[in-house]
C-alpha cells in the first residue's frame, strides 16, 4: 500500500511539472506547445523538417490537393532503407528535374497532385504523401516576428529597423527576369501594412549556372508578420530564414590552430590543405544548393559513394 502511495505521488509530481513547463503558441497553427519536450517515435513514421517534425501515420494525406494540376512542394514518405536506384525511379515517375531527400525515408518534390497520385499507384514503396504547409517553411527563429501583432499600428516611422530574409525556391527560375514575373511585390501590397509606401525589396541570388534558386527580401520589422505569412503561403517558397551578416573570424585562428602562432601556417607550407581528404559528418540533412556543397554537374549521392562530386562523396 505504501509503495502504491509513493508511485501515485511521483506521478502527481510529474504531471504538475509538465503542466508548469514553459508554453508557447505555434506560429500558423495556434496549437499550444511545451518547450524542451522532444517527441520520441519510430523513425519509420517520422519526417524531420527544419521547422517541425511530422508523424506521417497521424497526418492528413491532403487528398483534395491530388486533384490539382497546380504545382507545389510535396513530401513523399517511403519504406526504408532508401537506395539510389529508387531515388532515380521516383524522379522519373514524377517527371521532375530533382527530388530532395529529408530524414527519415522522405523526399521533397515540386510537382502537381496528379503526378503524386500517379507515383502512389505505380510505386509500392510509397506509404504516405503530403503537402508542405506554410508552417513547415519558416525558420523557428523568425516565429517571434510571425507572431508579432501589427494590427494596432496607425502609422510607420521612417526609422523602423529592417529585416533581410533568404527565400529558398522550390523550383529554380531560369533567369533573373523571371523574378519580376512572380509579381510578389504587387501582390504583397494587398496583405502587408503600408506596403505601397514602404515597399518590400526583392533581389535574386543566382547560382553558377545563372539560375535563380534564392531570393533576398528586405522588409521593415513592423511589416514582417504579414510579409512572412505571405511568403510562406506561396507554392514556390520552400524555406524562409533570416539573412545574417557574415563576418570572417579566422584571420588569426588559421595560424594558431596549425602551430600556435597566428602567422605561421606550417601545415599549408607542407602542402596539407585538405585535397583528397574525406571527412565524416553526422547531420540530419545538408542544403545541397548551398555554395559550399553544390555541384552543378553531378547528382547528390544517396546511399552510395561518388568521389567525383566536388564536395559530398
Protein backbone atom coordinates (compact mmCIF):
# COMPACT_ATOMS: atom_id res chain seq x y z
CA UNK A 1 0.00 0.00 0.00
CA UNK A 2 2.87 2.33 0.90
CA UNK A 3 4.59 1.63 -2.44
CA UNK A 4 1.40 2.44 -4.38
CA UNK A 5 1.09 5.70 -2.48
CA UNK A 6 4.68 6.60 -3.38
CA UNK A 7 4.08 5.84 -7.07
CA UNK A 8 0.94 7.99 -7.05
CA UNK A 9 2.88 10.88 -5.52
CA UNK A 10 5.61 10.58 -8.18
CA UNK A 11 3.06 10.60 -10.98
CA UNK A 12 1.39 13.66 -9.48
CA UNK A 13 4.74 15.49 -9.28
CA UNK A 14 5.49 14.65 -12.93
CA UNK A 15 2.06 15.83 -14.04
CA UNK A 16 2.43 19.13 -12.19
CA UNK A 17 5.95 19.63 -13.58
CA UNK A 18 4.77 19.07 -17.15
CA UNK A 19 1.84 21.42 -16.68
CA UNK A 20 4.20 24.16 -15.43
CA UNK A 21 6.67 23.79 -18.29
CA UNK A 22 7.12 26.90 -20.48
CA UNK A 23 4.45 27.00 -23.15
CA UNK A 24 4.07 28.87 -26.39
CA UNK A 25 1.69 29.09 -29.31
CA UNK A 26 2.94 27.59 -32.53
CA UNK A 27 3.00 30.03 -35.46
CA UNK A 28 0.27 29.46 -38.08
CA UNK A 29 -1.42 26.58 -36.17
CA UNK A 30 -2.04 28.30 -32.83
CA UNK A 31 -1.54 25.00 -31.01
CA UNK A 32 -0.02 25.03 -27.51
CA UNK A 33 3.48 23.57 -27.49
CA UNK A 34 5.61 22.64 -24.47
CA UNK A 35 9.17 23.83 -24.81
CA UNK A 36 12.07 21.46 -24.21
CA UNK A 37 9.93 18.37 -24.88
CA UNK A 38 11.03 16.05 -27.66
CA UNK A 39 8.58 13.54 -29.10
CA UNK A 40 10.16 10.10 -29.33
CA UNK A 41 8.83 7.86 -32.06
CA UNK A 42 9.93 5.25 -34.55
CA UNK A 43 11.80 6.91 -37.41
CA UNK A 44 9.75 4.94 -39.94
CA UNK A 45 6.86 7.31 -39.17
CA UNK A 46 8.90 10.48 -38.65
CA UNK A 47 9.54 13.20 -41.22
CA UNK A 48 12.09 15.69 -39.85
CA UNK A 49 11.72 19.12 -41.39
CA UNK A 50 13.74 22.12 -40.24
CA UNK A 51 10.70 23.91 -38.81
CA UNK A 52 8.97 20.93 -37.19
CA UNK A 53 8.54 17.14 -37.26
CA UNK A 54 5.64 15.31 -38.89
CA UNK A 55 4.25 11.92 -37.91
CA UNK A 56 3.14 10.53 -41.24
CA UNK A 57 0.79 7.97 -39.69
CA UNK A 58 -1.18 10.76 -37.98
CA UNK A 59 -1.09 13.33 -40.79
CA UNK A 60 -3.70 14.31 -43.33
CA UNK A 61 -2.64 12.94 -46.74
CA UNK A 62 -4.12 16.06 -48.45
CA UNK A 63 -6.13 14.00 -50.89
CA UNK A 64 -8.01 17.10 -52.10
CA UNK A 65 -4.73 18.54 -53.46
CA UNK A 66 -4.15 15.42 -55.57
CA UNK A 67 -6.86 16.53 -57.99
CA UNK A 68 -5.00 19.74 -58.74
CA UNK A 69 -2.62 20.42 -61.62
CA UNK A 70 -1.14 23.36 -59.70
CA UNK A 71 2.49 22.83 -58.78
CA UNK A 72 3.54 22.93 -55.13
CA UNK A 73 6.06 21.18 -52.92
CA UNK A 74 5.12 17.67 -51.80
CA UNK A 75 6.54 15.21 -49.25
CA UNK A 76 6.75 11.57 -50.34
CA UNK A 77 7.35 9.18 -47.42
CA UNK A 78 8.59 5.71 -48.46
CA UNK A 79 9.54 2.38 -46.95
CA UNK A 80 13.20 2.32 -45.96
CA UNK A 81 16.02 1.79 -46.47
CA UNK A 82 16.25 4.17 -49.41
CA UNK A 83 18.56 3.22 -52.28
CA UNK A 84 19.89 5.43 -55.06
CA UNK A 85 18.07 3.32 -57.68
CA UNK A 86 14.73 4.17 -56.08
CA UNK A 87 15.64 7.86 -55.96
CA UNK A 88 16.06 7.88 -59.73
CA UNK A 89 12.92 5.81 -60.24
CA UNK A 90 10.89 8.27 -58.17
CA UNK A 91 12.32 11.22 -60.09
CA UNK A 92 11.40 9.63 -63.42
CA UNK A 93 7.92 8.62 -62.23
CA UNK A 94 7.20 12.19 -61.10
CA UNK A 95 8.87 13.58 -64.25
CA UNK A 96 10.79 16.25 -62.32
CA UNK A 97 14.36 17.53 -62.53
CA UNK A 98 15.23 16.59 -58.96
CA UNK A 99 13.91 15.14 -55.73
CA UNK A 100 15.40 16.19 -52.38
CA UNK A 101 15.90 13.76 -49.51
CA UNK A 102 14.87 14.65 -45.94
CA UNK A 103 15.01 12.39 -42.87
CA UNK A 104 13.59 9.88 -42.48
CA UNK A 105 12.97 7.98 -45.75
CA UNK A 106 11.26 11.01 -47.30
CA UNK A 107 11.62 13.03 -50.48
CA UNK A 108 10.54 16.54 -51.45
CA UNK A 109 9.39 17.26 -55.00
CA UNK A 110 7.88 20.29 -56.71
CA UNK A 111 5.08 18.87 -58.81
CA UNK A 112 1.29 18.63 -59.09
CA UNK A 113 -1.24 16.40 -57.37
CA UNK A 114 -1.90 14.27 -60.44
CA UNK A 115 1.78 13.29 -60.64
CA UNK A 116 1.78 12.46 -56.92
CA UNK A 117 -1.30 10.27 -57.34
CA UNK A 118 0.41 8.50 -60.26
CA UNK A 119 3.51 7.85 -58.13
CA UNK A 120 1.38 6.40 -55.31
CA UNK A 121 -0.24 3.99 -57.76
CA UNK A 122 2.98 2.98 -59.50
CA UNK A 123 5.46 2.74 -56.63
CA UNK A 124 4.64 0.28 -53.87
CA UNK A 125 7.37 1.80 -51.68
CA UNK A 126 5.32 4.99 -51.17
CA UNK A 127 3.45 4.84 -47.85
CA UNK A 128 2.32 8.47 -47.39
CA UNK A 129 2.29 11.77 -49.26
CA UNK A 130 1.53 15.25 -48.00
CA UNK A 131 1.74 18.91 -48.98
CA UNK A 132 4.47 21.09 -47.48
CA UNK A 133 2.36 23.53 -45.46
CA UNK A 134 3.12 27.23 -44.71
CA UNK A 135 4.14 26.48 -41.11
CA UNK A 136 6.70 23.97 -42.41
CA UNK A 137 8.53 26.67 -44.35
CA UNK A 138 9.54 29.33 -41.81
CA UNK A 139 12.65 29.10 -39.65
CA UNK A 140 11.80 28.90 -35.92
CA UNK A 141 14.00 31.94 -35.25
CA UNK A 142 11.52 34.00 -37.29
CA UNK A 143 8.47 32.81 -35.35
CA UNK A 144 8.52 35.79 -32.92
CA UNK A 145 8.19 38.09 -35.93
CA UNK A 146 5.37 35.96 -37.37
CA UNK A 147 3.53 36.21 -34.06
CA UNK A 148 4.07 39.96 -33.63
CA UNK A 149 0.84 41.99 -33.64
CA UNK A 150 0.80 44.96 -36.02
CA UNK A 151 -2.97 45.31 -36.21
CA UNK A 152 -2.95 48.35 -33.92
CA UNK A 153 -0.40 50.32 -35.95
CA UNK A 154 -1.72 53.52 -37.46
CA UNK A 155 1.46 54.92 -38.96
CA UNK A 156 5.00 53.75 -39.59
CA UNK A 157 8.02 55.81 -38.68
CA UNK A 158 10.76 56.21 -41.25
CA UNK A 159 13.48 54.84 -38.97
CA UNK A 160 12.00 51.40 -38.32
CA UNK A 161 14.60 48.57 -38.36
CA UNK A 162 14.70 46.29 -41.39
CA UNK A 163 14.82 42.52 -41.67
CA UNK A 164 16.51 40.65 -44.51
CA UNK A 165 15.45 37.07 -45.26
CA UNK A 166 16.51 34.37 -47.67
CA UNK A 167 13.69 32.65 -49.56
CA UNK A 168 14.75 29.29 -50.97
CA UNK A 169 12.62 28.45 -54.02
CA UNK A 170 11.04 25.05 -54.61
CA UNK A 171 11.91 25.29 -58.29
CA UNK A 172 14.81 27.33 -59.72
CA UNK A 173 13.94 30.20 -62.04
CA UNK A 174 15.81 30.10 -65.31
CA UNK A 175 16.77 33.78 -65.30
CA UNK A 176 16.65 36.90 -63.16
CA UNK A 177 13.93 38.31 -65.42
CA UNK A 178 11.53 35.63 -64.18
CA UNK A 179 11.64 37.12 -60.66
CA UNK A 180 9.63 40.10 -61.92
CA UNK A 181 7.06 37.73 -63.41
CA UNK A 182 6.27 36.41 -59.92
CA UNK A 183 4.67 39.80 -59.23
CA UNK A 184 5.17 39.31 -55.49
CA UNK A 185 5.90 42.98 -54.91
CA UNK A 186 2.45 43.88 -56.25
CA UNK A 187 0.59 41.02 -54.56
CA UNK A 188 2.15 41.75 -51.19
CA UNK A 189 0.60 45.24 -51.18
CA UNK A 190 -2.80 43.63 -50.63
CA UNK A 191 -1.82 41.93 -47.36
CA UNK A 192 1.17 43.78 -45.87
CA UNK A 193 0.57 47.06 -43.98
CA UNK A 194 1.84 50.18 -45.76
CA UNK A 195 3.49 48.10 -48.49
CA UNK A 196 2.53 50.66 -51.15
CA UNK A 197 4.56 53.41 -49.49
CA UNK A 198 7.17 51.19 -47.83
CA UNK A 199 7.80 48.53 -50.47
CA UNK A 200 9.47 45.20 -49.92
CA UNK A 201 12.69 44.93 -51.89
CA UNK A 202 13.25 41.64 -53.70
CA UNK A 203 16.67 40.69 -55.07
CA UNK A 204 17.71 37.45 -56.75
CA UNK A 205 20.71 35.28 -55.87
CA UNK A 206 21.90 33.36 -58.92
CA UNK A 207 23.73 30.04 -58.95
CA UNK A 208 26.81 29.22 -61.02
CA UNK A 209 24.61 28.19 -63.95
CA UNK A 210 22.74 31.52 -63.94
CA UNK A 211 19.53 30.08 -62.47
CA UNK A 212 17.82 31.73 -59.51
CA UNK A 213 17.38 29.39 -56.53
CA UNK A 214 17.22 32.01 -53.76
CA UNK A 215 15.67 35.41 -53.25
CA UNK A 216 16.82 38.04 -50.77
CA UNK A 217 13.88 40.06 -49.48
CA UNK A 218 14.19 43.17 -47.31
CA UNK A 219 11.24 44.31 -45.22
CA UNK A 220 10.57 46.59 -42.30
CA UNK A 221 10.30 44.82 -38.95
CA UNK A 222 6.79 46.17 -38.47
CA UNK A 223 5.76 44.54 -41.76
CA UNK A 224 7.42 41.21 -41.05
CA UNK A 225 4.43 39.31 -39.59
CA UNK A 226 2.20 39.78 -42.64
CA UNK A 227 5.08 39.56 -45.12
CA UNK A 228 6.43 36.26 -43.74
CA UNK A 229 2.96 34.71 -43.76
CA UNK A 230 2.51 35.84 -47.36
CA UNK A 231 5.85 34.31 -48.39
CA UNK A 232 5.11 31.03 -46.59
CA UNK A 233 1.77 30.70 -48.42
CA UNK A 234 3.39 30.89 -51.87
CA UNK A 235 3.73 27.48 -53.53
CA UNK A 236 7.13 28.44 -54.96
CA UNK A 237 8.52 29.11 -51.46
CA UNK A 238 10.38 26.17 -49.97
CA UNK A 239 12.08 27.77 -46.94
CA UNK A 240 12.42 31.20 -45.31
CA UNK A 241 15.24 32.12 -42.94
CA UNK A 242 16.91 35.27 -41.69
CA UNK A 243 19.82 36.57 -43.75
CA UNK A 244 22.61 37.01 -41.27
CA UNK A 245 25.52 39.40 -41.56
CA UNK A 246 28.51 37.11 -42.09
CA UNK A 247 31.94 38.11 -40.84
CA UNK A 248 35.30 36.41 -41.29
CA UNK A 249 36.77 35.45 -37.93
CA UNK A 250 39.64 33.18 -38.94
CA UNK A 251 42.34 35.83 -39.52
CA UNK A 252 44.37 34.62 -36.55
CA UNK A 253 42.75 31.25 -35.81
CA UNK A 254 44.05 29.61 -39.01
CA UNK A 255 47.63 30.01 -37.83
CA UNK A 256 47.00 29.32 -34.15
CA UNK A 257 45.27 26.02 -34.96
CA UNK A 258 48.28 24.87 -37.03
CA UNK A 259 51.26 25.94 -34.94
CA UNK A 260 50.08 28.05 -32.04
CA UNK A 261 51.37 31.18 -33.76
CA UNK A 262 48.99 33.44 -35.66
CA UNK A 263 51.14 33.98 -38.76
CA UNK A 264 52.78 30.54 -39.01
CA UNK A 265 50.92 28.24 -41.44
CA UNK A 266 53.28 25.26 -41.32
CA UNK A 267 50.69 22.69 -42.45
CA UNK A 268 49.80 24.69 -45.55
CA UNK A 269 53.50 25.22 -46.30
CA UNK A 270 53.98 21.43 -46.37
CA UNK A 271 51.06 21.00 -48.77
CA UNK A 272 48.48 19.82 -46.24
CA UNK A 273 45.46 21.77 -47.48
CA UNK A 274 42.72 19.15 -47.40
CA UNK A 275 42.73 17.96 -51.01
CA UNK A 276 41.52 14.38 -51.37
CA UNK A 277 40.52 14.08 -47.72
CA UNK A 278 37.10 12.64 -46.78
CA UNK A 279 35.54 13.92 -43.57
CA UNK A 280 32.61 12.13 -41.94
CA UNK A 281 29.79 14.36 -40.72
CA UNK A 282 26.67 13.18 -38.86
CA UNK A 283 23.77 15.53 -39.57
CA UNK A 284 20.02 15.46 -40.19
CA UNK A 285 20.46 16.91 -43.65
CA UNK A 286 22.59 19.22 -45.81
CA UNK A 287 21.36 22.03 -48.03
CA UNK A 288 22.84 20.72 -51.27
CA UNK A 289 22.11 24.01 -53.01
CA UNK A 290 24.43 25.85 -50.63
CA UNK A 291 27.54 27.16 -52.40
CA UNK A 292 29.73 25.14 -50.04
CA UNK A 293 28.31 21.83 -51.27
CA UNK A 294 26.59 22.27 -54.65
CA UNK A 295 27.89 20.54 -57.76
CA UNK A 296 26.10 21.67 -60.92
CA UNK A 297 27.43 18.71 -62.92
CA UNK A 298 26.76 15.72 -60.64
CA UNK A 299 23.75 14.49 -58.69
CA UNK A 300 23.89 14.14 -54.93
CA UNK A 301 25.00 10.60 -53.98
CA UNK A 302 22.40 8.86 -51.81
CA UNK A 303 23.40 5.56 -50.14
CA UNK A 304 26.39 5.32 -52.49
CA UNK A 305 29.89 6.75 -52.88
CA UNK A 306 30.81 9.22 -55.63
CA UNK A 307 34.35 10.59 -55.40
CA UNK A 308 33.71 12.76 -58.46
CA UNK A 309 31.29 15.05 -56.60
CA UNK A 310 33.09 18.28 -55.72
CA UNK A 311 32.16 18.17 -52.01
CA UNK A 312 29.81 15.39 -50.90
CA UNK A 313 31.04 11.90 -51.72
